[in-house]
Amino acid sequence: MLETIAVVLIVLWLLGLVSSYTLGGFIHILLLIAIVAVLLRVVRR
């Protein structure tokens, strides 16, 4: 489930970059959360 959430957040972040529409730092905070979720998943394996 964490992997799915991380992928969705990364895709939304990339769409934000492509469309030049960002919500300030919010979208980057979501990206950081996605990266942390993926790292936690890798470390727990």
N, C-alpha and C. Protein backbone atom coordinates (compact mmCIF):
# COMPACT_ATOMS: atom_id res chain seq x y z
N MET A 1 0.83 -1.20 0.00
CA MET A 1 0.00 0.00 0.00
C MET A 1 0.87 1.26 0.00
N LEU A 2 1.95 1.24 0.77
CA LEU A 2 2.84 2.40 0.79
C LEU A 2 3.44 2.65 -0.59
N GLU A 3 3.75 1.57 -1.29
CA GLU A 3 4.33 1.74 -2.63
C GLU A 3 3.34 2.40 -3.57
N THR A 4 2.07 2.02 -3.47
CA THR A 4 1.05 2.62 -4.32
C THR A 4 0.90 4.11 -4.04
N ILE A 5 0.86 4.47 -2.76
CA ILE A 5 0.75 5.88 -2.37
C ILE A 5 1.96 6.65 -2.87
N ALA A 6 3.14 6.06 -2.73
CA ALA A 6 4.36 6.74 -3.17
C ALA A 6 4.34 6.98 -4.67
N VAL A 7 3.92 5.98 -5.44
CA VAL A 7 3.86 6.13 -6.90
C VAL A 7 2.87 7.22 -7.28
N VAL A 8 1.70 7.23 -6.63
CA VAL A 8 0.69 8.25 -6.94
C VAL A 8 1.24 9.64 -6.64
N LEU A 9 1.90 9.80 -5.49
CA LEU A 9 2.44 11.11 -5.13
C LEU A 9 3.53 11.56 -6.11
N ILE A 10 4.37 10.63 -6.53
CA ILE A 10 5.43 10.99 -7.48
C ILE A 10 4.83 11.39 -8.82
N VAL A 11 3.81 10.66 -9.27
CA VAL A 11 3.15 11.01 -10.54
C VAL A 11 2.51 12.39 -10.45
N LEU A 12 1.84 12.68 -9.34
CA LEU A 12 1.21 13.99 -9.17
C LEU A 12 2.28 15.09 -9.16
N TRP A 13 3.42 14.81 -8.52
CA TRP A 13 4.50 15.79 -8.47
C TRP A 13 5.05 16.06 -9.87
N LEU A 14 5.23 14.98 -10.66
CA LEU A 14 5.73 15.15 -12.02
C LEU A 14 4.74 15.91 -12.88
N LEU A 15 3.45 15.64 -12.72
CA LEU A 15 2.43 16.39 -13.45
C LEU A 15 2.47 17.87 -13.07
N GLY A 16 2.73 18.13 -11.81
CA GLY A 16 2.85 19.52 -11.36
C GLY A 16 4.02 20.23 -12.00
N LEU A 17 5.13 19.51 -12.17
CA LEU A 17 6.30 20.10 -12.81
C LEU A 17 6.05 20.36 -14.29
N VAL A 18 5.40 19.40 -14.95
CA VAL A 18 5.16 19.51 -16.39
C VAL A 18 4.19 20.65 -16.69
N SER A 19 3.14 20.75 -15.88
CA SER A 19 2.12 21.76 -16.14
C SER A 19 2.46 23.14 -15.57
N SER A 20 3.60 23.21 -14.87
CA SER A 20 4.03 24.46 -14.23
C SER A 20 3.01 24.96 -13.21
N TYR A 21 2.20 24.06 -12.69
CA TYR A 21 1.21 24.43 -11.68
C TYR A 21 1.61 23.75 -10.37
N THR A 22 2.04 24.56 -9.41
CA THR A 22 2.42 23.99 -8.12
C THR A 22 1.68 24.73 -7.02
N LEU A 23 1.54 24.05 -5.92
CA LEU A 23 0.87 24.64 -4.76
C LEU A 23 1.91 25.12 -3.76
N GLY A 24 2.91 25.79 -4.26
CA GLY A 24 3.98 26.25 -3.39
C GLY A 24 4.83 25.07 -2.95
N GLY A 25 5.14 25.01 -1.67
CA GLY A 25 5.97 23.93 -1.16
C GLY A 25 5.20 22.66 -0.89
N PHE A 26 3.87 22.71 -0.98
CA PHE A 26 3.04 21.56 -0.62
C PHE A 26 3.36 20.34 -1.46
N ILE A 27 3.51 20.53 -2.76
CA ILE A 27 3.76 19.40 -3.65
C ILE A 27 5.12 18.80 -3.38
N HIS A 28 6.09 19.61 -2.97
CA HIS A 28 7.42 19.09 -2.66
C HIS A 28 7.40 18.34 -1.33
N ILE A 29 6.56 18.77 -0.41
CA ILE A 29 6.39 18.03 0.85
C ILE A 29 5.80 16.66 0.56
N LEU A 30 4.85 16.58 -0.37
CA LEU A 30 4.28 15.29 -0.75
C LEU A 30 5.35 14.39 -1.36
N LEU A 31 6.23 14.98 -2.16
CA LEU A 31 7.31 14.20 -2.76
C LEU A 31 8.22 13.63 -1.69
N LEU A 32 8.58 14.45 -0.70
CA LEU A 32 9.43 13.98 0.38
C LEU A 32 8.77 12.86 1.16
N ILE A 33 7.46 12.97 1.39
CA ILE A 33 6.73 11.91 2.08
C ILE A 33 6.78 10.62 1.26
N ALA A 34 6.64 10.74 -0.05
CA ALA A 34 6.70 9.57 -0.92
C ALA A 34 8.07 8.90 -0.86
N ILE A 35 9.11 9.70 -0.89
CA ILE A 35 10.47 9.15 -0.83
C ILE A 35 10.71 8.45 0.50
N VAL A 36 10.27 9.08 1.59
CA VAL A 36 10.43 8.48 2.92
C VAL A 36 9.67 7.16 3.00
N ALA A 37 8.47 7.11 2.43
CA ALA A 37 7.67 5.88 2.45
C ALA A 37 8.40 4.76 1.70
N VAL A 38 8.98 5.09 0.55
CA VAL A 38 9.70 4.08 -0.22
C VAL A 38 10.94 3.62 0.55
N LEU A 39 11.68 4.54 1.15
CA LEU A 39 12.87 4.17 1.91
C LEU A 39 12.51 3.29 3.11
N LEU A 40 11.43 3.61 3.80
CA LEU A 40 11.01 2.79 4.93
C LEU A 40 10.66 1.38 4.46
N ARG A 41 10.01 1.28 3.31
CA ARG A 41 9.63 -0.03 2.76
C ARG A 41 10.89 -0.84 2.44
N VAL A 42 11.90 -0.19 1.86
CA VAL A 42 13.14 -0.88 1.50
C VAL A 42 13.88 -1.32 2.75
N VAL A 43 13.94 -0.47 3.76
CA VAL A 43 14.68 -0.78 4.99
C VAL A 43 14.00 -1.91 5.75
N ARG A 44 12.70 -1.98 5.73
CA ARG A 44 11.97 -3.02 6.49
C ARG A 44 12.04 -4.39 5.84
N ARG A 45 12.48 -4.48 4.58
CA ARG A 45 12.54 -5.78 3.91
C ARG A 45 13.62 -6.66 4.47
